mmCIF file of all heavy atoms, coordinates in Angstrom:
data_MODEL
# 
_entry.id   MODEL 
# 
loop_
_atom_site.group_PDB 
_atom_site.id 
_atom_site.type_symbol 
_atom_site.label_atom_id 
_atom_site.label_alt_id 
_atom_site.label_comp_id 
_atom_site.label_asym_id 
_atom_site.label_entity_id 
_atom_site.label_seq_id 
_atom_site.pdbx_PDB_ins_code 
_atom_site.Cartn_x 
_atom_site.Cartn_y 
_atom_site.Cartn_z 
_atom_site.occupancy 
_atom_site.B_iso_or_equiv 
_atom_site.pdbx_formal_charge 
_atom_site.auth_seq_id 
_atom_site.auth_comp_id 
_atom_site.auth_asym_id 
_atom_site.auth_atom_id 
_atom_site.pdbx_PDB_model_num 
ATOM 1   N N   . VAL A 1 1  ? 12.510 8.589   14.393 1.00 0.00 ? 1  VAL A N   1 
ATOM 2   C CA  . VAL A 1 1  ? 12.655 7.180   14.051 1.00 0.00 ? 1  VAL A CA  1 
ATOM 3   C C   . VAL A 1 1  ? 11.519 6.397   14.515 1.00 0.00 ? 1  VAL A C   1 
ATOM 4   O O   . VAL A 1 1  ? 11.075 6.520   15.679 1.00 0.00 ? 1  VAL A O   1 
ATOM 5   C CB  . VAL A 1 1  ? 13.976 6.650   14.685 1.00 0.00 ? 1  VAL A CB  1 
ATOM 6   C CG1 . VAL A 1 1  ? 14.170 5.194   14.330 1.00 0.00 ? 1  VAL A CG1 1 
ATOM 7   C CG2 . VAL A 1 1  ? 15.144 7.451   14.220 1.00 0.00 ? 1  VAL A CG2 1 
ATOM 8   N N   . LEU A 1 2  ? 10.966 5.583   13.651 1.00 0.00 ? 2  LEU A N   1 
ATOM 9   C CA  . LEU A 1 2  ? 9.863  4.614   13.992 1.00 0.00 ? 2  LEU A CA  1 
ATOM 10  C C   . LEU A 1 2  ? 10.424 3.329   14.460 1.00 0.00 ? 2  LEU A C   1 
ATOM 11  O O   . LEU A 1 2  ? 11.070 2.660   13.679 1.00 0.00 ? 2  LEU A O   1 
ATOM 12  C CB  . LEU A 1 2  ? 8.909  4.471   12.813 1.00 0.00 ? 2  LEU A CB  1 
ATOM 13  C CG  . LEU A 1 2  ? 7.808  3.434   12.959 1.00 0.00 ? 2  LEU A CG  1 
ATOM 14  C CD1 . LEU A 1 2  ? 6.856  3.936   14.122 1.00 0.00 ? 2  LEU A CD1 1 
ATOM 15  C CD2 . LEU A 1 2  ? 7.020  3.270   11.659 1.00 0.00 ? 2  LEU A CD2 1 
ATOM 16  N N   . TRP A 1 3  ? 10.141 3.040   15.686 1.00 0.00 ? 3  TRP A N   1 
ATOM 17  C CA  . TRP A 1 3  ? 10.625 1.789   16.316 1.00 0.00 ? 3  TRP A CA  1 
ATOM 18  C C   . TRP A 1 3  ? 9.466  0.739   16.401 1.00 0.00 ? 3  TRP A C   1 
ATOM 19  O O   . TRP A 1 3  ? 8.527  1.022   17.102 1.00 0.00 ? 3  TRP A O   1 
ATOM 20  C CB  . TRP A 1 3  ? 11.199 2.025   17.653 1.00 0.00 ? 3  TRP A CB  1 
ATOM 21  C CG  . TRP A 1 3  ? 11.861 0.775   18.259 1.00 0.00 ? 3  TRP A CG  1 
ATOM 22  C CD1 . TRP A 1 3  ? 12.157 -0.355  17.736 1.00 0.00 ? 3  TRP A CD1 1 
ATOM 23  C CD2 . TRP A 1 3  ? 12.256 0.717   19.674 1.00 0.00 ? 3  TRP A CD2 1 
ATOM 24  N NE1 . TRP A 1 3  ? 12.692 -1.258  18.622 1.00 0.00 ? 3  TRP A NE1 1 
ATOM 25  C CE2 . TRP A 1 3  ? 12.801 -0.612  19.844 1.00 0.00 ? 3  TRP A CE2 1 
ATOM 26  C CE3 . TRP A 1 3  ? 12.257 1.614   20.764 1.00 0.00 ? 3  TRP A CE3 1 
ATOM 27  C CZ2 . TRP A 1 3  ? 13.253 -1.035  21.000 1.00 0.00 ? 3  TRP A CZ2 1 
ATOM 28  C CZ3 . TRP A 1 3  ? 12.732 1.084   21.938 1.00 0.00 ? 3  TRP A CZ3 1 
ATOM 29  C CH2 . TRP A 1 3  ? 13.264 -0.165  22.093 1.00 0.00 ? 3  TRP A CH2 1 
ATOM 30  N N   . ARG A 1 4  ? 9.575  -0.308  15.570 1.00 0.00 ? 4  ARG A N   1 
ATOM 31  C CA  . ARG A 1 4  ? 8.532  -1.314  15.635 1.00 0.00 ? 4  ARG A CA  1 
ATOM 32  C C   . ARG A 1 4  ? 8.942  -2.412  16.619 1.00 0.00 ? 4  ARG A C   1 
ATOM 33  O O   . ARG A 1 4  ? 9.959  -2.999  16.481 1.00 0.00 ? 4  ARG A O   1 
ATOM 34  C CB  . ARG A 1 4  ? 8.339  -1.939  14.228 1.00 0.00 ? 4  ARG A CB  1 
ATOM 35  C CG  . ARG A 1 4  ? 7.275  -3.040  14.214 1.00 0.00 ? 4  ARG A CG  1 
ATOM 36  C CD  . ARG A 1 4  ? 7.232  -3.821  12.899 1.00 0.00 ? 4  ARG A CD  1 
ATOM 37  N NE  . ARG A 1 4  ? 6.694  -3.014  11.857 1.00 0.00 ? 4  ARG A NE  1 
ATOM 38  C CZ  . ARG A 1 4  ? 7.400  -2.620  10.733 1.00 0.00 ? 4  ARG A CZ  1 
ATOM 39  N NH1 . ARG A 1 4  ? 8.626  -2.994  10.643 1.00 0.00 ? 4  ARG A NH1 1 
ATOM 40  N NH2 . ARG A 1 4  ? 6.794  -1.905  9.748  1.00 0.00 ? 4  ARG A NH2 1 
ATOM 41  N N   . LYS A 1 5  ? 8.080  -2.624  17.594 1.00 0.00 ? 5  LYS A N   1 
ATOM 42  C CA  . LYS A 1 5  ? 8.342  -3.637  18.610 1.00 0.00 ? 5  LYS A CA  1 
ATOM 43  C C   . LYS A 1 5  ? 7.404  -4.837  18.343 1.00 0.00 ? 5  LYS A C   1 
ATOM 44  O O   . LYS A 1 5  ? 6.218  -4.672  18.328 1.00 0.00 ? 5  LYS A O   1 
ATOM 45  C CB  . LYS A 1 5  ? 8.087  -3.126  20.042 1.00 0.00 ? 5  LYS A CB  1 
ATOM 46  C CG  . LYS A 1 5  ? 9.004  -1.960  20.495 1.00 0.00 ? 5  LYS A CG  1 
ATOM 47  C CD  . LYS A 1 5  ? 8.682  -1.552  21.869 1.00 0.00 ? 5  LYS A CD  1 
ATOM 48  C CE  . LYS A 1 5  ? 9.580  -0.363  22.266 1.00 0.00 ? 5  LYS A CE  1 
ATOM 49  N NZ  . LYS A 1 5  ? 9.271  0.122   23.655 1.00 0.00 ? 5  LYS A NZ  1 
ATOM 50  N N   . VAL A 1 6  ? 8.028  -5.951  18.136 1.00 0.00 ? 6  VAL A N   1 
ATOM 51  C CA  . VAL A 1 6  ? 7.290  -7.214  17.852 1.00 0.00 ? 6  VAL A CA  1 
ATOM 52  C C   . VAL A 1 6  ? 7.314  -8.069  19.130 1.00 0.00 ? 6  VAL A C   1 
ATOM 53  O O   . VAL A 1 6  ? 8.380  -8.490  19.563 1.00 0.00 ? 6  VAL A O   1 
ATOM 54  C CB  . VAL A 1 6  ? 7.839  -7.931  16.640 1.00 0.00 ? 6  VAL A CB  1 
ATOM 55  C CG1 . VAL A 1 6  ? 7.008  -9.248  16.403 1.00 0.00 ? 6  VAL A CG1 1 
ATOM 56  C CG2 . VAL A 1 6  ? 7.799  -7.089  15.423 1.00 0.00 ? 6  VAL A CG2 1 
ATOM 57  N N   . HIS A 1 7  ? 6.152  -8.337  19.682 1.00 0.00 ? 7  HIS A N   1 
ATOM 58  C CA  . HIS A 1 7  ? 6.081  -9.155  20.944 1.00 0.00 ? 7  HIS A CA  1 
ATOM 59  C C   . HIS A 1 7  ? 5.904  -10.597 20.464 1.00 0.00 ? 7  HIS A C   1 
ATOM 60  O O   . HIS A 1 7  ? 4.845  -10.963 19.877 1.00 0.00 ? 7  HIS A O   1 
ATOM 61  C CB  . HIS A 1 7  ? 4.909  -8.724  21.782 1.00 0.00 ? 7  HIS A CB  1 
ATOM 62  C CG  . HIS A 1 7  ? 4.980  -7.273  22.152 1.00 0.00 ? 7  HIS A CG  1 
ATOM 63  N ND1 . HIS A 1 7  ? 5.728  -6.881  23.222 1.00 0.00 ? 7  HIS A ND1 1 
ATOM 64  C CD2 . HIS A 1 7  ? 4.365  -6.178  21.647 1.00 0.00 ? 7  HIS A CD2 1 
ATOM 65  C CE1 . HIS A 1 7  ? 5.571  -5.551  23.372 1.00 0.00 ? 7  HIS A CE1 1 
ATOM 66  N NE2 . HIS A 1 7  ? 4.780  -5.084  22.423 1.00 0.00 ? 7  HIS A NE2 1 
ATOM 67  N N   . GLY A 1 8  ? 6.892  -11.413 20.735 1.00 0.00 ? 8  GLY A N   1 
ATOM 68  C CA  . GLY A 1 8  ? 6.777  -12.822 20.336 1.00 0.00 ? 8  GLY A CA  1 
ATOM 69  C C   . GLY A 1 8  ? 8.199  -13.482 20.353 1.00 0.00 ? 8  GLY A C   1 
ATOM 70  O O   . GLY A 1 8  ? 9.175  -12.889 20.923 1.00 0.00 ? 8  GLY A O   1 
ATOM 71  N N   . SER A 1 9  ? 8.302  -14.654 19.802 1.00 0.00 ? 9  SER A N   1 
ATOM 72  C CA  . SER A 1 9  ? 9.589  -15.328 19.794 1.00 0.00 ? 9  SER A CA  1 
ATOM 73  C C   . SER A 1 9  ? 10.505 -14.786 18.773 1.00 0.00 ? 9  SER A C   1 
ATOM 74  O O   . SER A 1 9  ? 10.091 -13.981 17.889 1.00 0.00 ? 9  SER A O   1 
ATOM 75  C CB  . SER A 1 9  ? 9.306  -16.838 19.446 1.00 0.00 ? 9  SER A CB  1 
ATOM 76  O OG  . SER A 1 9  ? 8.759  -16.919 18.183 1.00 0.00 ? 9  SER A OG  1 
ATOM 77  N N   . PRO A 1 10 ? 11.850 -15.118 18.831 1.00 0.00 ? 10 PRO A N   1 
ATOM 78  C CA  . PRO A 1 10 ? 12.727 -14.616 17.855 1.00 0.00 ? 10 PRO A CA  1 
ATOM 79  C C   . PRO A 1 10 ? 12.369 -15.028 16.409 1.00 0.00 ? 10 PRO A C   1 
ATOM 80  O O   . PRO A 1 10 ? 12.671 -14.311 15.491 1.00 0.00 ? 10 PRO A O   1 
ATOM 81  C CB  . PRO A 1 10 ? 14.093 -15.283 18.284 1.00 0.00 ? 10 PRO A CB  1 
ATOM 82  C CG  . PRO A 1 10 ? 13.973 -15.461 19.696 1.00 0.00 ? 10 PRO A CG  1 
ATOM 83  C CD  . PRO A 1 10 ? 12.502 -15.816 19.940 1.00 0.00 ? 10 PRO A CD  1 
ATOM 84  N N   . GLY A 1 11 ? 11.730 -16.185 16.288 1.00 0.00 ? 11 GLY A N   1 
ATOM 85  C CA  . GLY A 1 11 ? 11.299 -16.587 14.916 1.00 0.00 ? 11 GLY A CA  1 
ATOM 86  C C   . GLY A 1 11 ? 10.228 -15.601 14.342 1.00 0.00 ? 11 GLY A C   1 
ATOM 87  O O   . GLY A 1 11 ? 10.269 -15.272 13.146 1.00 0.00 ? 11 GLY A O   1 
ATOM 88  N N   . GLN A 1 12 ? 9.343  -15.206 15.228 1.00 0.00 ? 12 GLN A N   1 
ATOM 89  C CA  . GLN A 1 12 ? 8.330  -14.211 14.768 1.00 0.00 ? 12 GLN A CA  1 
ATOM 90  C C   . GLN A 1 12 ? 8.984  -12.855 14.377 1.00 0.00 ? 12 GLN A C   1 
ATOM 91  O O   . GLN A 1 12 ? 8.596  -12.218 13.433 1.00 0.00 ? 12 GLN A O   1 
ATOM 92  C CB  . GLN A 1 12 ? 7.302  -13.987 15.878 1.00 0.00 ? 12 GLN A CB  1 
ATOM 93  C CG  . GLN A 1 12 ? 6.427  -15.229 16.070 1.00 0.00 ? 12 GLN A CG  1 
ATOM 94  C CD  . GLN A 1 12 ? 5.477  -15.001 17.273 1.00 0.00 ? 12 GLN A CD  1 
ATOM 95  O OE1 . GLN A 1 12 ? 5.854  -14.412 18.326 1.00 0.00 ? 12 GLN A OE1 1 
ATOM 96  N NE2 . GLN A 1 12 ? 4.273  -15.485 17.159 1.00 0.00 ? 12 GLN A NE2 1 
ATOM 97  N N   . VAL A 1 13 ? 9.987  -12.472 15.135 1.00 0.00 ? 13 VAL A N   1 
ATOM 98  C CA  . VAL A 1 13 ? 10.687 -11.231 14.832 1.00 0.00 ? 13 VAL A CA  1 
ATOM 99  C C   . VAL A 1 13 ? 11.334 -11.325 13.482 1.00 0.00 ? 13 VAL A C   1 
ATOM 100 O O   . VAL A 1 13 ? 11.352 -10.428 12.643 1.00 0.00 ? 13 VAL A O   1 
ATOM 101 C CB  . VAL A 1 13 ? 11.651 -10.852 15.904 1.00 0.00 ? 13 VAL A CB  1 
ATOM 102 C CG1 . VAL A 1 13 ? 12.483 -9.616  15.486 1.00 0.00 ? 13 VAL A CG1 1 
ATOM 103 C CG2 . VAL A 1 13 ? 11.006 -10.601 17.237 1.00 0.00 ? 13 VAL A CG2 1 
ATOM 104 N N   . ARG A 1 14 ? 11.976 -12.503 13.227 1.00 0.00 ? 14 ARG A N   1 
ATOM 105 C CA  . ARG A 1 14 ? 12.693 -12.791 11.954 1.00 0.00 ? 14 ARG A CA  1 
ATOM 106 C C   . ARG A 1 14 ? 11.733 -12.759 10.835 1.00 0.00 ? 14 ARG A C   1 
ATOM 107 O O   . ARG A 1 14 ? 11.982 -12.197 9.719  1.00 0.00 ? 14 ARG A O   1 
ATOM 108 C CB  . ARG A 1 14 ? 13.413 -14.111 12.062 1.00 0.00 ? 14 ARG A CB  1 
ATOM 109 C CG  . ARG A 1 14 ? 14.321 -14.316 10.859 1.00 0.00 ? 14 ARG A CG  1 
ATOM 110 C CD  . ARG A 1 14 ? 15.265 -15.511 11.013 1.00 0.00 ? 14 ARG A CD  1 
ATOM 111 N NE  . ARG A 1 14 ? 14.504 -16.695 11.471 1.00 0.00 ? 14 ARG A NE  1 
ATOM 112 C CZ  . ARG A 1 14 ? 14.522 -17.213 12.700 1.00 0.00 ? 14 ARG A CZ  1 
ATOM 113 N NH1 . ARG A 1 14 ? 15.183 -16.635 13.682 1.00 0.00 ? 14 ARG A NH1 1 
ATOM 114 N NH2 . ARG A 1 14 ? 13.843 -18.312 13.007 1.00 0.00 ? 14 ARG A NH2 1 
ATOM 115 N N   . ASP A 1 15 ? 10.550 -13.304 10.995 1.00 0.00 ? 15 ASP A N   1 
ATOM 116 C CA  . ASP A 1 15 ? 9.567  -13.387 9.961  1.00 0.00 ? 15 ASP A CA  1 
ATOM 117 C C   . ASP A 1 15 ? 9.099  -11.944 9.515  1.00 0.00 ? 15 ASP A C   1 
ATOM 118 O O   . ASP A 1 15 ? 8.952  -11.620 8.352  1.00 0.00 ? 15 ASP A O   1 
ATOM 119 C CB  . ASP A 1 15 ? 8.323  -14.201 10.333 1.00 0.00 ? 15 ASP A CB  1 
ATOM 120 C CG  . ASP A 1 15 ? 8.717  -15.729 10.450 1.00 0.00 ? 15 ASP A CG  1 
ATOM 121 O OD1 . ASP A 1 15 ? 9.707  -16.061 9.909  1.00 0.00 ? 15 ASP A OD1 1 
ATOM 122 O OD2 . ASP A 1 15 ? 7.939  -16.385 11.183 1.00 0.00 ? 15 ASP A OD2 1 
ATOM 123 N N   . VAL A 1 16 ? 8.903  -11.114 10.536 1.00 0.00 ? 16 VAL A N   1 
ATOM 124 C CA  . VAL A 1 16 ? 8.496  -9.719  10.297 1.00 0.00 ? 16 VAL A CA  1 
ATOM 125 C C   . VAL A 1 16 ? 9.630  -8.977  9.553  1.00 0.00 ? 16 VAL A C   1 
ATOM 126 O O   . VAL A 1 16 ? 9.455  -8.207  8.601  1.00 0.00 ? 16 VAL A O   1 
ATOM 127 C CB  . VAL A 1 16 ? 8.096  -9.015  11.557 1.00 0.00 ? 16 VAL A CB  1 
ATOM 128 C CG1 . VAL A 1 16 ? 7.810  -7.549  11.324 1.00 0.00 ? 16 VAL A CG1 1 
ATOM 129 C CG2 . VAL A 1 16 ? 6.867  -9.654  12.178 1.00 0.00 ? 16 VAL A CG2 1 
ATOM 130 N N   . ALA A 1 17 ? 10.862 -9.172  10.053 1.00 0.00 ? 17 ALA A N   1 
ATOM 131 C CA  . ALA A 1 17 ? 12.041 -8.457  9.483  1.00 0.00 ? 17 ALA A CA  1 
ATOM 132 C C   . ALA A 1 17 ? 12.232 -8.861  8.021  1.00 0.00 ? 17 ALA A C   1 
ATOM 133 O O   . ALA A 1 17 ? 12.600 -8.110  7.141  1.00 0.00 ? 17 ALA A O   1 
ATOM 134 C CB  . ALA A 1 17 ? 13.273 -8.688  10.305 1.00 0.00 ? 17 ALA A CB  1 
ATOM 135 N N   . GLU A 1 18 ? 12.043 -10.193 7.755  1.00 0.00 ? 18 GLU A N   1 
ATOM 136 C CA  . GLU A 1 18 ? 12.295 -10.685 6.422  1.00 0.00 ? 18 GLU A CA  1 
ATOM 137 C C   . GLU A 1 18 ? 11.238 -10.173 5.424  1.00 0.00 ? 18 GLU A C   1 
ATOM 138 O O   . GLU A 1 18 ? 11.516 -10.222 4.219  1.00 0.00 ? 18 GLU A O   1 
ATOM 139 C CB  . GLU A 1 18 ? 12.284 -12.226 6.402  1.00 0.00 ? 18 GLU A CB  1 
ATOM 140 C CG  . GLU A 1 18 ? 13.480 -12.772 7.055  1.00 0.00 ? 18 GLU A CG  1 
ATOM 141 C CD  . GLU A 1 18 ? 13.492 -14.355 7.084  1.00 0.00 ? 18 GLU A CD  1 
ATOM 142 O OE1 . GLU A 1 18 ? 12.370 -14.877 6.770  1.00 0.00 ? 18 GLU A OE1 1 
ATOM 143 O OE2 . GLU A 1 18 ? 14.487 -14.920 7.491  1.00 0.00 ? 18 GLU A OE2 1 
ATOM 144 N N   . SER A 1 19 ? 10.132 -9.756  5.941  1.00 0.00 ? 19 SER A N   1 
ATOM 145 C CA  . SER A 1 19 ? 9.055  -9.254  5.072  1.00 0.00 ? 19 SER A CA  1 
ATOM 146 C C   . SER A 1 19 ? 9.431  -7.747  4.578  1.00 0.00 ? 19 SER A C   1 
ATOM 147 O O   . SER A 1 19 ? 8.742  -7.294  3.722  1.00 0.00 ? 19 SER A O   1 
ATOM 148 C CB  . SER A 1 19 ? 7.698  -9.179  5.787  1.00 0.00 ? 19 SER A CB  1 
ATOM 149 O OG  . SER A 1 19 ? 7.766  -8.339  6.876  1.00 0.00 ? 19 SER A OG  1 
ATOM 150 N N   . VAL A 1 20 ? 10.433 -7.215  5.215  1.00 0.00 ? 20 VAL A N   1 
ATOM 151 C CA  . VAL A 1 20 ? 10.906 -5.856  4.843  1.00 0.00 ? 20 VAL A CA  1 
ATOM 152 C C   . VAL A 1 20 ? 11.846 -5.992  3.647  1.00 0.00 ? 20 VAL A C   1 
ATOM 153 O O   . VAL A 1 20 ? 12.744 -6.789  3.638  1.00 0.00 ? 20 VAL A O   1 
ATOM 154 C CB  . VAL A 1 20 ? 11.616 -5.121  5.971  1.00 0.00 ? 20 VAL A CB  1 
ATOM 155 C CG1 . VAL A 1 20 ? 12.012 -3.715  5.577  1.00 0.00 ? 20 VAL A CG1 1 
ATOM 156 C CG2 . VAL A 1 20 ? 10.584 -5.090  7.193  1.00 0.00 ? 20 VAL A CG2 1 
ATOM 157 N N   . SER A 1 21 ? 11.595 -5.197  2.626  1.00 0.00 ? 21 SER A N   1 
ATOM 158 C CA  . SER A 1 21 ? 12.417 -5.295  1.406  1.00 0.00 ? 21 SER A CA  1 
ATOM 159 C C   . SER A 1 21 ? 13.809 -4.569  1.514  1.00 0.00 ? 21 SER A C   1 
ATOM 160 O O   . SER A 1 21 ? 14.610 -4.766  0.571  1.00 0.00 ? 21 SER A O   1 
ATOM 161 C CB  . SER A 1 21 ? 11.675 -4.672  0.219  1.00 0.00 ? 21 SER A CB  1 
ATOM 162 O OG  . SER A 1 21 ? 11.382 -3.346  0.431  1.00 0.00 ? 21 SER A OG  1 
ATOM 163 N N   . GLU A 1 22 ? 14.021 -3.825  2.578  1.00 0.00 ? 22 GLU A N   1 
ATOM 164 C CA  . GLU A 1 22 ? 15.249 -3.129  2.658  1.00 0.00 ? 22 GLU A CA  1 
ATOM 165 C C   . GLU A 1 22 ? 16.363 -4.085  3.019  1.00 0.00 ? 22 GLU A C   1 
ATOM 166 O O   . GLU A 1 22 ? 16.166 -5.212  3.548  1.00 0.00 ? 22 GLU A O   1 
ATOM 167 C CB  . GLU A 1 22 ? 15.199 -2.041  3.721  1.00 0.00 ? 22 GLU A CB  1 
ATOM 168 C CG  . GLU A 1 22 ? 14.170 -0.927  3.423  1.00 0.00 ? 22 GLU A CG  1 
ATOM 169 C CD  . GLU A 1 22 ? 14.546 -0.123  2.235  1.00 0.00 ? 22 GLU A CD  1 
ATOM 170 O OE1 . GLU A 1 22 ? 15.790 -0.032  1.967  1.00 0.00 ? 22 GLU A OE1 1 
ATOM 171 O OE2 . GLU A 1 22 ? 13.707 0.370   1.481  1.00 0.00 ? 22 GLU A OE2 1 
ATOM 172 N N   . SER A 1 23 ? 17.665 -3.687  2.815  1.00 0.00 ? 23 SER A N   1 
ATOM 173 C CA  . SER A 1 23 ? 18.800 -4.519  3.104  1.00 0.00 ? 23 SER A CA  1 
ATOM 174 C C   . SER A 1 23 ? 19.015 -4.666  4.645  1.00 0.00 ? 23 SER A C   1 
ATOM 175 O O   . SER A 1 23 ? 18.629 -3.752  5.433  1.00 0.00 ? 23 SER A O   1 
ATOM 176 C CB  . SER A 1 23 ? 20.036 -3.910  2.469  1.00 0.00 ? 23 SER A CB  1 
ATOM 177 O OG  . SER A 1 23 ? 20.292 -2.664  3.023  1.00 0.00 ? 23 SER A OG  1 
ATOM 178 N N   . ALA A 1 24 ? 19.566 -5.776  4.993  1.00 0.00 ? 24 ALA A N   1 
ATOM 179 C CA  . ALA A 1 24 ? 19.777 -6.101  6.422  1.00 0.00 ? 24 ALA A CA  1 
ATOM 180 C C   . ALA A 1 24 ? 21.044 -5.354  6.978  1.00 0.00 ? 24 ALA A C   1 
ATOM 181 O O   . ALA A 1 24 ? 22.009 -5.153  6.273  1.00 0.00 ? 24 ALA A O   1 
ATOM 182 C CB  . ALA A 1 24 ? 19.938 -7.580  6.648  1.00 0.00 ? 24 ALA A CB  1 
# 
């Protein structure tokens, strides 16, 4: 499993996650 760790605020994490086309 590839675990992507985003260092930043929750808003930055949400921006990265929303860029993913897969379902939530």
